[in-house]
Amino acid sequence: MKWKVIAYGDSHLVCRKTWHSPLWMGIVKKDIRTVTLKNRTFSVEVFADCSTSELAHKLLKLVERP
């Protein structure tokens, strides 16, 4: 899945969709959250939770590097 920046509440998340649920314990040191956008619920793996859009987009460039 591709990393994206989404505005969620008072923050901007650098995240990607995942099939894992936040209740699954097999993931170590990863932030899995359930978010609701436009009446749809998704599980996402969060790379960063940022206070500004600018910072989120800078971090997005880092995570997209091969």
C-alpha atoms as a PDB file:
ATOM      1  CA  MET A   1       0.000   0.000   0.000  1.00  0.00           C
ATOM      2  CA  LYS A   2       1.084   3.520  -0.711  1.00  0.00           C
ATOM      3  CA  TRP A   3       1.868   5.997   2.075  1.00  0.00           C
ATOM      4  CA  LYS A   4      -0.395   9.074   2.225  1.00  0.00           C
ATOM      5  CA  VAL A   5      -1.013  12.129   4.376  1.00  0.00           C
ATOM      6  CA  ILE A   6      -4.512  12.439   5.776  1.00  0.00           C
ATOM      7  CA  ALA A   7      -5.969  15.138   7.996  1.00  0.00           C
ATOM      8  CA  TYR A   8      -7.557  13.458  10.992  1.00  0.00           C
ATOM      9  CA  GLY A   9      -8.870  15.489  13.889  1.00  0.00           C
ATOM     10  CA  ASP A  10      -6.263  18.056  14.932  1.00  0.00           C
ATOM     11  CA  SER A  11      -3.379  16.194  13.345  1.00  0.00           C
ATOM     12  CA  HIS A  12      -2.013  15.003  10.012  1.00  0.00           C
ATOM     13  CA  LEU A  13      -1.170  11.323   9.734  1.00  0.00           C
ATOM     14  CA  VAL A  14       1.439   9.828   7.436  1.00  0.00           C
ATOM     15  CA  CYS A  15      -0.146   6.421   7.002  1.00  0.00           C
ATOM     16  CA  ARG A  16      -1.115   3.566   4.716  1.00  0.00           C
ATOM     17  CA  LYS A  17      -3.985   1.106   4.714  1.00  0.00           C
ATOM     18  CA  THR A  18      -3.370  -2.249   6.320  1.00  0.00           C
ATOM     19  CA  TRP A  19      -5.328  -5.429   6.692  1.00  0.00           C
ATOM     20  CA  HIS A  20      -4.247  -5.760  10.339  1.00  0.00           C
ATOM     21  CA  SER A  21      -6.591  -4.669  13.086  1.00  0.00           C
ATOM     22  CA  PRO A  22      -5.440  -2.591  16.063  1.00  0.00           C
ATOM     23  CA  LEU A  23      -6.268  -5.601  18.263  1.00  0.00           C
ATOM     24  CA  TRP A  24      -3.813  -7.917  16.494  1.00  0.00           C
ATOM     25  CA  MET A  25      -0.759  -8.415  18.682  1.00  0.00           C
ATOM     26  CA  GLY A  26       1.600  -9.840  16.070  1.00  0.00           C
ATOM     27  CA  ILE A  27       2.818  -6.375  15.076  1.00  0.00           C
ATOM     28  CA  VAL A  28       5.737  -5.157  17.123  1.00  0.00           C
ATOM     29  CA  LYS A  29       6.614  -1.448  17.325  1.00  0.00           C
ATOM     30  CA  LYS A  30       4.003  -0.354  14.768  1.00  0.00           C
ATOM     31  CA  ASP A  31       1.166   2.065  15.324  1.00  0.00           C
ATOM     32  CA  ILE A  32      -2.060   0.583  13.946  1.00  0.00           C
ATOM     33  CA  ARG A  33      -5.157   2.763  14.258  1.00  0.00           C
ATOM     34  CA  THR A  34      -8.746   2.611  13.171  1.00  0.00           C
ATOM     35  CA  VAL A  35      -9.840   5.845  11.481  1.00  0.00           C
ATOM     36  CA  THR A  36     -13.208   6.874  10.096  1.00  0.00           C
ATOM     37  CA  LEU A  37     -13.285   9.101   7.011  1.00  0.00           C
ATOM     38  CA  LYS A  38     -16.431   9.925   5.068  1.00  0.00           C
ATOM     39  CA  ASN A  39     -18.462   7.327   7.005  1.00  0.00           C
ATOM     40  CA  ARG A  40     -15.988   4.534   6.179  1.00  0.00           C
ATOM     41  CA  THR A  41     -13.707   2.858   8.704  1.00  0.00           C
ATOM     42  CA  PHE A  42     -10.153   1.845   7.830  1.00  0.00           C
ATOM     43  CA  SER A  43      -7.236   0.257   9.663  1.00  0.00           C
ATOM     44  CA  VAL A  44      -4.061   2.185   8.969  1.00  0.00           C
ATOM     45  CA  GLU A  45      -0.396   1.790   9.850  1.00  0.00           C
ATOM     46  CA  VAL A  46       0.796   5.184  11.068  1.00  0.00           C
ATOM     47  CA  PHE A  47       4.359   6.282  10.318  1.00  0.00           C
ATOM     48  CA  ALA A  48       3.975   9.735  11.895  1.00  0.00           C
ATOM     49  CA  ASP A  49       1.340  11.805  13.695  1.00  0.00           C
ATOM     50  CA  CYS A  50       2.136  15.452  12.905  1.00  0.00           C
ATOM     51  CA  SER A  51       0.729  18.754  14.075  1.00  0.00           C
ATOM     52  CA  THR A  52       1.214  20.466  10.709  1.00  0.00           C
ATOM     53  CA  SER A  53       0.623  19.487   7.112  1.00  0.00           C
ATOM     54  CA  GLU A  54       4.066  20.756   6.100  1.00  0.00           C
ATOM     55  CA  LEU A  55       5.847  18.439   8.517  1.00  0.00           C
ATOM     56  CA  ALA A  56       3.691  15.493   7.449  1.00  0.00           C
ATOM     57  CA  HIS A  57       4.545  16.036   3.780  1.00  0.00           C
ATOM     58  CA  LYS A  58       8.279  16.273   4.580  1.00  0.00           C
ATOM     59  CA  LEU A  59       8.095  12.967   6.446  1.00  0.00           C
ATOM     60  CA  LEU A  60       6.111  11.443   3.596  1.00  0.00           C
ATOM     61  CA  LYS A  61       9.076  12.121   1.302  1.00  0.00           C
ATOM     62  CA  LEU A  62      11.348  10.266   3.735  1.00  0.00           C
ATOM     63  CA  VAL A  63       9.147   7.197   4.001  1.00  0.00           C
ATOM     64  CA  GLU A  64       8.706   6.985   0.203  1.00  0.00           C
ATOM     65  CA  ARG A  65      12.457   6.727  -0.446  1.00  0.00           C
ATOM     66  CA  PRO A  66      13.545   3.275  -1.607  1.00  0.00           C
END
